[in-house]
Protein backbone atom coordinates (compact mmCIF):
# COMPACT_ATOMS: atom_id res chain seq x y z
CA MET A 1 25.72 35.33 207.85
CA GLU A 2 26.29 32.34 205.88
CA ALA A 3 22.88 31.88 205.40
CA ILE A 4 22.56 35.62 204.40
CA ASP A 5 25.40 35.17 201.92
CA ASN A 6 23.79 32.04 200.34
CA SER A 7 20.45 33.95 199.97
CA LEU A 8 21.81 36.71 198.47
CA PHE A 9 23.80 34.80 196.06
CA GLU A 10 21.04 33.02 195.06
CA PHE A 11 18.61 36.38 194.32
CA LEU A 12 21.34 37.68 192.42
CA TYR A 13 22.22 34.38 190.38
CA PRO A 14 18.78 32.03 190.05
CA ASP A 15 20.33 30.50 187.53
CA ASN A 16 24.09 30.00 188.84
CA GLU A 17 25.21 32.29 186.63
CA GLY A 18 28.23 32.46 188.57
CA SER A 19 30.74 35.56 188.26
CA THR A 20 30.25 35.77 184.46
CA ALA A 21 26.94 36.86 182.21
CA SER A 22 25.01 33.60 181.47
CA SER A 23 25.66 31.84 178.24
CA GLU A 24 21.90 31.65 177.81
CA GLU A 25 21.77 35.53 177.66
CA ALA A 26 24.47 35.64 175.17
CA SER A 27 23.32 32.91 172.86
CA ASN A 28 19.63 34.85 173.17
CA MET A 29 21.10 38.38 172.25
CA SER A 30 21.51 39.11 168.35
CA ASP A 31 24.63 40.80 166.75
CA ASP A 32 23.42 43.93 166.04
CA GLY A 33 21.01 44.45 169.03
CA GLY A 34 20.65 48.20 168.39
CA SER A 35 16.51 48.17 167.46
CA GLU A 36 16.16 45.77 170.36
CA LEU A 37 17.73 47.84 172.86
CA GLU A 38 15.71 51.12 171.78
CA GLU A 39 12.47 49.26 171.93
CA ILE A 40 13.30 47.64 175.41
CA HIS A 41 14.66 50.80 177.02
CA PRO A 42 14.23 54.12 174.77
CA ARG A 43 17.34 56.28 174.59
CA VAL A 44 17.19 59.66 177.14
CA PRO A 45 15.25 62.32 175.24
CA GLY A 46 17.79 64.87 174.39
CA SER A 47 20.90 62.85 174.50
CA PRO A 48 23.04 62.15 171.57
CA SER A 49 22.59 59.24 169.36
CA PRO A 50 24.74 56.36 170.70
CA SER A 51 28.22 55.70 168.62
CA PRO A 52 28.93 52.31 167.65
CA LEU A 53 29.79 50.26 170.98
CA PRO A 54 33.05 48.54 171.68
CA ALA A 55 32.59 44.68 172.53
CA ASP A 56 32.30 45.26 176.12
CA ASP A 57 29.85 47.79 175.98
CA ASN A 58 27.64 45.35 173.96
CA VAL A 59 27.77 42.46 175.82
CA HIS A 60 26.63 44.61 179.15
CA GLN A 61 23.96 46.74 177.69
CA ARG A 62 22.36 43.40 175.93
CA SER A 63 22.64 41.89 179.25
CA THR A 64 20.68 44.73 180.83
CA ALA A 65 18.22 44.85 177.89
CA LEU A 66 17.48 41.21 177.97
CA LYS A 67 16.72 41.52 182.26
CA LEU A 68 14.55 44.67 181.42
CA SER A 69 13.12 42.92 178.81
CA GLN A 70 11.70 40.37 181.60
CA LEU A 71 10.51 42.94 184.32
CA ASN A 72 7.57 44.77 185.04
CA GLU A 73 6.93 47.46 187.78
CA ASP A 74 5.53 44.92 190.17
CA LYS A 75 8.66 42.12 189.57
CA THR A 76 11.30 45.43 189.52
CA TYR A 77 9.87 46.72 192.97
CA ALA A 78 9.88 42.95 194.56
CA ALA A 79 13.28 42.69 193.49
CA VAL A 80 14.68 46.02 194.93
CA LYS A 81 12.78 45.64 198.00
CA GLN A 82 14.61 42.29 198.51
CA THR A 83 17.93 43.68 197.67
CA THR A 84 17.15 46.73 200.45
CA ALA A 85 16.16 44.31 202.94
CA MET A 86 19.50 42.18 202.08
CA MET A 87 21.30 45.56 202.29
CA GLU A 88 19.77 46.18 205.54
CA ALA A 89 20.49 42.57 207.02
CA THR A 90 24.37 43.11 205.91
CA GLY A 91 25.19 46.44 207.58
CA ILE A 92 25.30 48.25 204.34
CA ASN A 93 23.47 51.22 202.52
CA LEU A 94 23.66 52.03 198.85
CA PRO A 95 26.12 54.84 199.48
CA ILE A 96 28.34 52.50 201.15
CA TYR A 97 27.57 50.03 198.29
CA LEU A 98 28.07 52.36 195.66
CA ASP A 99 31.65 53.13 196.99
CA ALA A 100 32.54 49.86 196.96
CA LEU A 101 31.56 49.25 193.89
CA SER A 102 33.27 52.42 192.28
CA TRP A 103 36.82 51.40 192.99
CA GLY A 104 36.49 52.30 196.75
CA ASN A 105 37.11 48.84 198.13
CA ALA A 106 40.35 46.77 196.90
CA LYS A 107 38.78 43.34 197.07
CA CYS A 108 35.61 44.39 195.33
CA THR A 109 37.86 45.52 192.27
CA LYS A 110 39.45 41.95 192.33
CA ASP A 111 36.09 39.98 192.62
CA PRO A 112 34.38 39.03 189.14
CA SER A 113 30.95 39.00 190.12
CA ILE A 114 31.22 42.17 191.93
CA TRP A 115 33.19 43.70 189.10
CA TYR A 116 30.81 42.46 186.85
CA GLN A 117 28.20 44.51 188.25
CA HIS A 118 30.09 47.76 188.17
CA SER A 119 30.86 47.07 184.65
CA ALA A 120 27.14 46.90 183.60
CA LEU A 121 26.76 50.13 185.64
CA MET A 122 29.55 51.92 183.77
CA HIS A 123 28.83 50.70 180.25
CA SER A 124 25.27 51.00 180.59
CA ARG A 125 22.66 52.91 178.21
CA GLU A 126 21.28 54.08 181.61
CA LEU A 127 23.64 55.45 183.23
CA PRO A 128 23.37 59.24 181.68
CA GLY A 129 19.26 59.08 182.51
CA LEU A 130 20.41 58.18 186.32
CA LEU A 131 22.76 61.49 186.57
CA GLU A 132 20.30 63.33 184.87
CA GLN A 133 17.39 62.46 187.28
CA TRP A 134 19.70 62.76 190.45
CA ARG A 135 20.19 66.23 188.79
CA LYS A 136 16.68 67.07 188.15
CA PRO A 137 14.18 64.61 189.59
CA PRO A 138 10.95 63.73 187.45
CA ARG A 139 7.73 65.77 189.31
CA SER A 140 5.27 63.43 190.43
CA SER A 141 1.95 63.92 189.26
CA ALA A 142 0.30 65.10 192.46
CA SER A 143 3.20 67.54 193.45
CA ILE A 144 3.72 70.78 192.15
CA THR A 145 7.34 71.24 193.25
CA ARG A 146 9.73 68.96 192.04
CA PRO A 147 11.96 67.05 194.72
CA SER A 148 15.65 68.47 195.60
CA GLY A 149 16.99 64.74 194.56
CA ALA A 150 20.95 65.99 194.20
CA THR A 151 20.74 69.05 192.10
CA GLN A 152 23.44 71.33 193.56
CA THR A 153 25.77 68.52 194.01
CA MET A 154 25.50 67.20 190.60
CA ASN A 155 25.70 70.70 189.38
CA GLU A 156 28.71 71.67 191.37
CA PHE A 157 30.19 68.47 189.70
CA ALA A 158 29.23 69.36 186.38
CA LEU A 159 30.96 72.54 186.50
CA ALA A 160 34.02 71.38 187.93
CA ALA A 161 34.28 68.59 185.46
CA THR A 162 33.55 71.41 182.89
CA ILE A 163 36.22 73.38 184.00
CA ASP A 164 38.79 70.42 184.07
CA VAL A 165 37.82 69.43 180.19
CA ILE A 166 38.23 73.00 179.17
CA ASN A 167 41.40 73.81 180.61
CA ARG A 168 42.58 70.58 179.43
CA GLU A 169 41.63 71.25 175.81
CA LEU A 170 43.06 74.92 175.96
CA LYS A 171 46.43 73.48 177.07
CA GLU A 172 46.12 71.29 174.21
CA LEU A 173 45.42 73.98 171.76
CA GLY A 174 47.52 76.84 173.07
CA PRO A 175 50.70 76.18 170.94
CA SER A 176 48.71 76.04 167.70
CA PHE A 177 47.83 79.60 168.35
CA ARG A 178 51.34 80.66 169.90
CA LEU A 179 52.86 83.12 167.73
CA ARG A 180 56.84 82.77 167.45
CA ALA A 181 59.20 85.30 168.81
CA GLY A 182 59.10 88.35 166.64
CA GLU A 183 56.42 86.77 164.26
CA ASP A 184 53.27 89.17 163.84
CA VAL A 185 49.48 88.26 162.66
CA ASN A 186 49.94 88.40 159.05
CA ALA A 187 46.80 89.29 156.74
CA GLU A 188 46.54 85.73 155.45
CA GLN A 189 45.66 84.94 159.32
CA LEU A 190 42.55 87.26 158.99
CA THR A 191 41.00 86.00 155.64
CA GLU A 192 37.96 83.91 156.12
CA VAL A 193 40.33 81.23 154.98
CA GLY A 194 42.92 81.51 157.67
CA ILE A 195 40.05 82.02 160.15
CA GLY A 196 38.49 78.99 158.96
CA ARG A 197 41.86 76.80 159.39
CA MET A 198 41.67 77.93 162.96
CA ILE A 199 37.99 77.19 163.51
CA SER A 200 38.82 73.11 162.39
CA ARG A 201 42.09 73.40 164.27
CA MET A 202 39.98 74.33 167.51
CA LYS A 203 37.04 72.05 166.65
CA GLU A 204 39.65 68.92 166.57
CA THR A 205 41.67 70.15 169.74
CA ALA A 206 39.33 71.51 171.56
CA PRO A 207 35.90 70.15 170.83
CA LYS A 208 33.90 70.32 174.33
CA PHE A 209 35.63 74.19 174.36
CA TRP A 210 34.33 74.78 170.81
CA GLN A 211 30.64 73.30 171.96
CA LEU A 212 30.63 75.58 174.82
CA LEU A 213 31.27 78.25 172.61
CA ALA A 214 28.75 77.39 169.72
CA GLN A 215 26.14 76.94 172.61
CA SER A 216 26.84 80.06 174.15
CA LEU A 217 26.49 81.78 170.63
CA THR A 218 23.13 80.05 169.93
CA PHE A 219 22.00 81.03 173.16
CA GLN A 220 22.71 85.04 172.39
CA GLU A 221 21.33 84.54 168.77
CA ALA A 222 18.17 83.12 170.54
CA ARG A 223 17.87 86.25 173.13
CA LYS A 224 18.70 88.78 170.34
CA LYS A 225 15.11 87.36 168.32
CA LYS A 226 13.28 87.87 171.27
CA GLY A 227 14.46 91.23 171.71
CA GLU A 228 16.00 90.39 175.30
CA ASP A 229 18.51 92.82 176.84
CA GLN A 230 22.02 91.48 176.23
CA PRO A 231 24.61 91.30 179.04
CA GLU A 232 27.46 93.70 178.45
CA LYS A 233 30.16 92.28 176.39
CA VAL A 234 33.13 91.70 178.35
């Protein structure tokens, strides 16, 4: 087992990187790094433009981008093949590894080299694309049907997460629209100005809920233009 541990360390840290990113990587990375990242690993189509990144995000994303620039399909395959063999030799598989890497093992959370890999994944530009590919795997050129992947699991998780976010936002938004005892809705609240204030408050306090409403309205408008039957109003 000691020989396996040494081989694994040498494979993961060929330049004796140790528990932190190599200083050579950091020195080779430009401060802006944005255009370089886009060129090496383009943003997932349809995903929102990235916001300015915290320092930790920049470090991990630049590290990944540098590694990607030094890989091709054959090199990546060889590395994955060797890593898979190493996992088999140590008695784990990918679910066990990811669970331990995702707060599932207390010792892993305290190990700098392990937690560096955890942070690299959590802060990566690749994560949204990975989740989308798990939910909707790409169809191969020789296949008519799309692989099932984790579509059902991801859809159920997405729905549960959406419900949780909306409930939290509505809880925050509620007091803003609650009338005091004995107070009635006045004319000003029903004018364009009053409604505009309510919309602004909703956008600020419940952005995801507003986004969901806006998307639903856009979808309904598109259906109207196509002349499709509209569902009954609730």
